């Protein structure tokens, strides 16, 4: 997922990490140099959809302008869901 909007600070990333961990997803979340948030999550499709819906629900009153996403098979494998710098 690529999330565009006003999501400053670490709270969104930490809360997304907690949500992903609750859903038993692995992967990462990070801020790109242009300010967008990138989420690369792996897991069951239903849980991935739940994470997408959580992001779309505009958590903590942050402004989300657009979310771009795609589902694909990944060649990478993650051990946990982490916040990357």
N, C-alpha and C. Protein backbone atom coordinates (compact mmCIF):
# COMPACT_ATOMS: atom_id res chain seq x y z
N UNK A 1 0.84 -1.17 0.00
CA UNK A 1 0.00 0.00 0.00
C UNK A 1 0.88 1.23 0.00
N UNK A 2 0.43 2.25 -0.68
CA UNK A 2 1.03 3.58 -0.58
C UNK A 2 -0.08 4.50 -0.11
N UNK A 3 0.16 5.18 1.01
CA UNK A 3 -0.86 6.03 1.60
C UNK A 3 -0.40 7.47 1.49
N UNK A 4 -1.25 8.30 0.90
CA UNK A 4 -0.97 9.72 0.75
C UNK A 4 -1.89 10.50 1.66
N UNK A 5 -1.36 11.54 2.27
CA UNK A 5 -2.16 12.39 3.14
C UNK A 5 -1.30 13.01 4.21
N UNK A 6 -1.94 13.43 5.29
CA UNK A 6 -1.22 14.03 6.40
C UNK A 6 -1.21 13.04 7.54
N UNK A 7 -0.10 12.33 7.65
CA UNK A 7 0.03 11.26 8.64
C UNK A 7 1.32 11.46 9.41
N UNK A 8 1.59 12.67 9.81
CA UNK A 8 2.84 12.99 10.48
C UNK A 8 2.96 12.27 11.81
N UNK A 9 4.20 12.09 12.24
CA UNK A 9 4.45 11.47 13.53
C UNK A 9 4.49 9.96 13.46
N UNK A 10 4.86 9.36 14.54
CA UNK A 10 5.06 7.91 14.59
C UNK A 10 3.79 7.15 14.98
N UNK A 11 2.77 7.84 15.52
CA UNK A 11 1.59 7.13 16.01
C UNK A 11 0.91 6.28 14.95
N UNK A 12 0.73 6.80 13.76
CA UNK A 12 0.06 6.01 12.72
C UNK A 12 0.84 4.75 12.44
N UNK A 13 2.16 4.87 12.31
CA UNK A 13 2.98 3.70 12.00
C UNK A 13 2.94 2.67 13.13
N UNK A 14 3.03 3.14 14.37
CA UNK A 14 2.98 2.21 15.50
C UNK A 14 1.62 1.54 15.61
N UNK A 15 0.55 2.30 15.40
CA UNK A 15 -0.79 1.72 15.47
C UNK A 15 -1.04 0.75 14.32
N UNK A 16 -0.50 1.07 13.14
CA UNK A 16 -0.63 0.15 12.01
C UNK A 16 0.15 -1.13 12.29
N UNK A 17 1.31 -1.00 12.90
CA UNK A 17 2.11 -2.17 13.27
C UNK A 17 1.33 -3.05 14.25
N UNK A 18 0.73 -2.43 15.26
CA UNK A 18 -0.05 -3.20 16.24
C UNK A 18 -1.23 -3.90 15.57
N UNK A 19 -1.91 -3.19 14.66
CA UNK A 19 -3.05 -3.79 13.95
C UNK A 19 -2.58 -4.97 13.11
N UNK A 20 -1.48 -4.80 12.38
CA UNK A 20 -0.96 -5.88 11.55
C UNK A 20 -0.55 -7.09 12.40
N UNK A 21 0.07 -6.82 13.52
CA UNK A 21 0.47 -7.92 14.40
C UNK A 21 -0.75 -8.65 14.96
N UNK A 22 -1.78 -7.90 15.31
CA UNK A 22 -3.03 -8.51 15.79
C UNK A 22 -3.63 -9.42 14.72
N UNK A 23 -3.49 -8.99 13.46
CA UNK A 23 -4.03 -9.77 12.34
C UNK A 23 -3.08 -10.89 11.89
N UNK A 24 -1.96 -11.03 12.59
CA UNK A 24 -0.96 -12.05 12.28
C UNK A 24 -0.35 -11.86 10.89
N UNK A 25 -0.16 -10.59 10.51
CA UNK A 25 0.50 -10.25 9.26
C UNK A 25 1.98 -10.00 9.52
N UNK A 26 2.79 -10.17 8.51
CA UNK A 26 4.21 -9.85 8.57
C UNK A 26 4.52 -8.85 7.47
N UNK A 27 5.63 -8.13 7.62
CA UNK A 27 6.02 -7.15 6.63
C UNK A 27 6.59 -5.92 7.30
N UNK A 28 6.29 -4.75 6.72
CA UNK A 28 6.81 -3.52 7.29
C UNK A 28 5.98 -2.32 6.90
N UNK A 29 6.20 -1.24 7.63
CA UNK A 29 5.63 0.07 7.33
C UNK A 29 6.76 1.07 7.45
N UNK A 30 6.79 2.04 6.52
CA UNK A 30 7.82 3.07 6.58
C UNK A 30 7.35 4.33 5.86
N UNK A 31 8.04 5.44 6.15
CA UNK A 31 7.78 6.70 5.47
C UNK A 31 8.78 6.83 4.34
N UNK A 32 8.28 7.12 3.14
CA UNK A 32 9.15 7.32 1.99
C UNK A 32 9.67 8.75 1.98
N UNK A 33 10.66 9.01 1.19
CA UNK A 33 11.28 10.33 1.16
C UNK A 33 10.31 11.42 0.72
N UNK A 34 9.26 11.07 -0.02
CA UNK A 34 8.27 12.06 -0.45
C UNK A 34 7.13 12.23 0.55
N UNK A 35 7.22 11.56 1.71
CA UNK A 35 6.21 11.72 2.77
C UNK A 35 5.10 10.69 2.75
N UNK A 36 5.00 9.93 1.68
CA UNK A 36 3.97 8.89 1.66
C UNK A 36 4.38 7.75 2.59
N UNK A 37 3.37 7.00 3.04
CA UNK A 37 3.60 5.84 3.89
C UNK A 37 3.51 4.60 2.99
N UNK A 38 4.48 3.71 3.14
CA UNK A 38 4.46 2.45 2.41
C UNK A 38 4.23 1.32 3.40
N UNK A 39 3.31 0.44 3.06
CA UNK A 39 3.06 -0.77 3.84
C UNK A 39 3.23 -1.96 2.91
N UNK A 40 4.09 -2.88 3.30
CA UNK A 40 4.25 -4.15 2.59
C UNK A 40 3.87 -5.22 3.59
N UNK A 41 2.68 -5.79 3.40
CA UNK A 41 2.16 -6.77 4.36
C UNK A 41 1.91 -8.10 3.66
N UNK A 42 2.17 -9.17 4.39
CA UNK A 42 1.94 -10.52 3.89
C UNK A 42 1.08 -11.29 4.87
N UNK A 43 0.19 -12.10 4.32
CA UNK A 43 -0.67 -12.92 5.16
C UNK A 43 -1.89 -13.37 4.38
N UNK A 44 -2.89 -13.80 5.10
CA UNK A 44 -4.14 -14.25 4.50
C UNK A 44 -4.89 -13.06 3.90
N UNK A 45 -5.56 -13.29 2.78
CA UNK A 45 -6.25 -12.21 2.07
C UNK A 45 -7.27 -11.49 2.95
N UNK A 46 -8.00 -12.23 3.76
CA UNK A 46 -9.02 -11.61 4.63
C UNK A 46 -8.37 -10.64 5.62
N UNK A 47 -7.22 -11.02 6.18
CA UNK A 47 -6.53 -10.15 7.13
C UNK A 47 -5.93 -8.94 6.41
N UNK A 48 -5.43 -9.14 5.19
CA UNK A 48 -4.90 -8.02 4.41
C UNK A 48 -6.01 -7.02 4.11
N UNK A 49 -7.19 -7.52 3.77
CA UNK A 49 -8.33 -6.63 3.53
C UNK A 49 -8.73 -5.89 4.79
N UNK A 50 -8.64 -6.55 5.93
CA UNK A 50 -8.97 -5.90 7.20
C UNK A 50 -7.98 -4.76 7.48
N UNK A 51 -6.69 -4.98 7.21
CA UNK A 51 -5.70 -3.92 7.40
C UNK A 51 -5.98 -2.76 6.45
N UNK A 52 -6.31 -3.04 5.21
CA UNK A 52 -6.64 -2.00 4.25
C UNK A 52 -7.85 -1.20 4.73
N UNK A 53 -8.89 -1.87 5.20
CA UNK A 53 -10.08 -1.19 5.71
C UNK A 53 -9.72 -0.34 6.92
N UNK A 54 -8.86 -0.82 7.79
CA UNK A 54 -8.43 -0.06 8.96
C UNK A 54 -7.74 1.22 8.51
N UNK A 55 -6.87 1.12 7.52
CA UNK A 55 -6.18 2.31 7.01
C UNK A 55 -7.16 3.29 6.39
N UNK A 56 -8.14 2.78 5.66
CA UNK A 56 -9.13 3.64 5.00
C UNK A 56 -10.07 4.33 5.99
N UNK A 57 -10.18 3.78 7.19
CA UNK A 57 -11.09 4.33 8.19
C UNK A 57 -10.55 5.62 8.81
N UNK A 58 -9.37 6.07 8.37
CA UNK A 58 -8.81 7.33 8.84
C UNK A 58 -8.56 7.30 10.34
N UNK A 59 -7.72 6.39 10.81
CA UNK A 59 -7.47 6.27 12.25
C UNK A 59 -6.87 7.51 12.88
N UNK A 60 -7.22 7.79 14.10
CA UNK A 60 -6.74 8.91 14.89
C UNK A 60 -6.98 10.26 14.23
N UNK A 61 -7.98 10.36 13.37
CA UNK A 61 -8.33 11.62 12.77
C UNK A 61 -7.30 12.16 11.79
N UNK A 62 -6.36 11.35 11.35
CA UNK A 62 -5.38 11.78 10.36
C UNK A 62 -6.08 11.93 9.01
N UNK A 63 -5.53 12.77 8.15
CA UNK A 63 -6.14 12.97 6.84
C UNK A 63 -5.48 12.05 5.82
N UNK A 64 -6.27 11.17 5.25
CA UNK A 64 -5.79 10.29 4.20
C UNK A 64 -6.45 10.74 2.90
N UNK A 65 -5.61 11.12 1.93
CA UNK A 65 -6.12 11.58 0.65
C UNK A 65 -6.36 10.44 -0.33
N UNK A 66 -5.43 9.48 -0.33
CA UNK A 66 -5.54 8.38 -1.29
C UNK A 66 -4.72 7.20 -0.81
N UNK A 67 -5.23 6.00 -1.07
CA UNK A 67 -4.49 4.78 -0.80
C UNK A 67 -4.41 3.99 -2.10
N UNK A 68 -3.20 3.73 -2.51
CA UNK A 68 -2.95 2.89 -3.68
C UNK A 68 -2.53 1.52 -3.16
N UNK A 69 -3.09 0.47 -3.71
CA UNK A 69 -2.72 -0.86 -3.21
C UNK A 69 -2.84 -1.88 -4.33
N UNK A 70 -2.15 -2.98 -4.14
CA UNK A 70 -2.28 -4.12 -5.04
C UNK A 70 -1.95 -5.38 -4.26
N UNK A 71 -2.57 -6.46 -4.68
CA UNK A 71 -2.29 -7.76 -4.11
C UNK A 71 -1.43 -8.52 -5.11
N UNK A 72 -0.35 -9.10 -4.63
CA UNK A 72 0.50 -9.90 -5.50
C UNK A 72 1.25 -10.92 -4.67
N UNK A 73 1.72 -11.94 -5.32
CA UNK A 73 2.57 -12.92 -4.65
C UNK A 73 3.96 -12.32 -4.49
N UNK A 74 4.55 -12.52 -3.35
CA UNK A 74 5.85 -11.94 -3.06
C UNK A 74 6.92 -13.02 -3.01
N UNK A 75 8.08 -12.65 -3.47
CA UNK A 75 9.22 -13.56 -3.37
C UNK A 75 9.94 -13.39 -2.04
N UNK A 76 9.65 -12.29 -1.35
CA UNK A 76 10.27 -12.01 -0.05
C UNK A 76 9.44 -12.63 1.06
N UNK A 77 10.08 -12.91 2.16
CA UNK A 77 9.39 -13.45 3.32
C UNK A 77 9.88 -12.72 4.56
N UNK A 78 8.96 -12.29 5.39
CA UNK A 78 9.29 -11.55 6.60
C UNK A 78 8.98 -12.40 7.83
N UNK A 79 9.72 -12.15 8.90
CA UNK A 79 9.52 -12.89 10.15
C UNK A 79 8.52 -12.20 11.06
N UNK A 80 8.36 -10.88 10.90
CA UNK A 80 7.49 -10.09 11.77
C UNK A 80 7.00 -8.88 11.00
N UNK A 81 6.16 -8.06 11.66
CA UNK A 81 5.74 -6.80 11.07
C UNK A 81 6.48 -5.70 11.81
N UNK A 82 7.28 -4.92 11.09
CA UNK A 82 8.17 -3.95 11.72
C UNK A 82 7.94 -2.54 11.20
N UNK A 83 8.27 -1.57 12.02
CA UNK A 83 8.35 -0.17 11.60
C UNK A 83 9.78 0.06 11.14
N UNK A 84 9.93 0.48 9.90
CA UNK A 84 11.26 0.77 9.36
C UNK A 84 11.49 2.26 9.33
N UNK A 85 12.74 2.64 9.44
CA UNK A 85 13.13 4.06 9.35
C UNK A 85 13.55 4.39 7.96
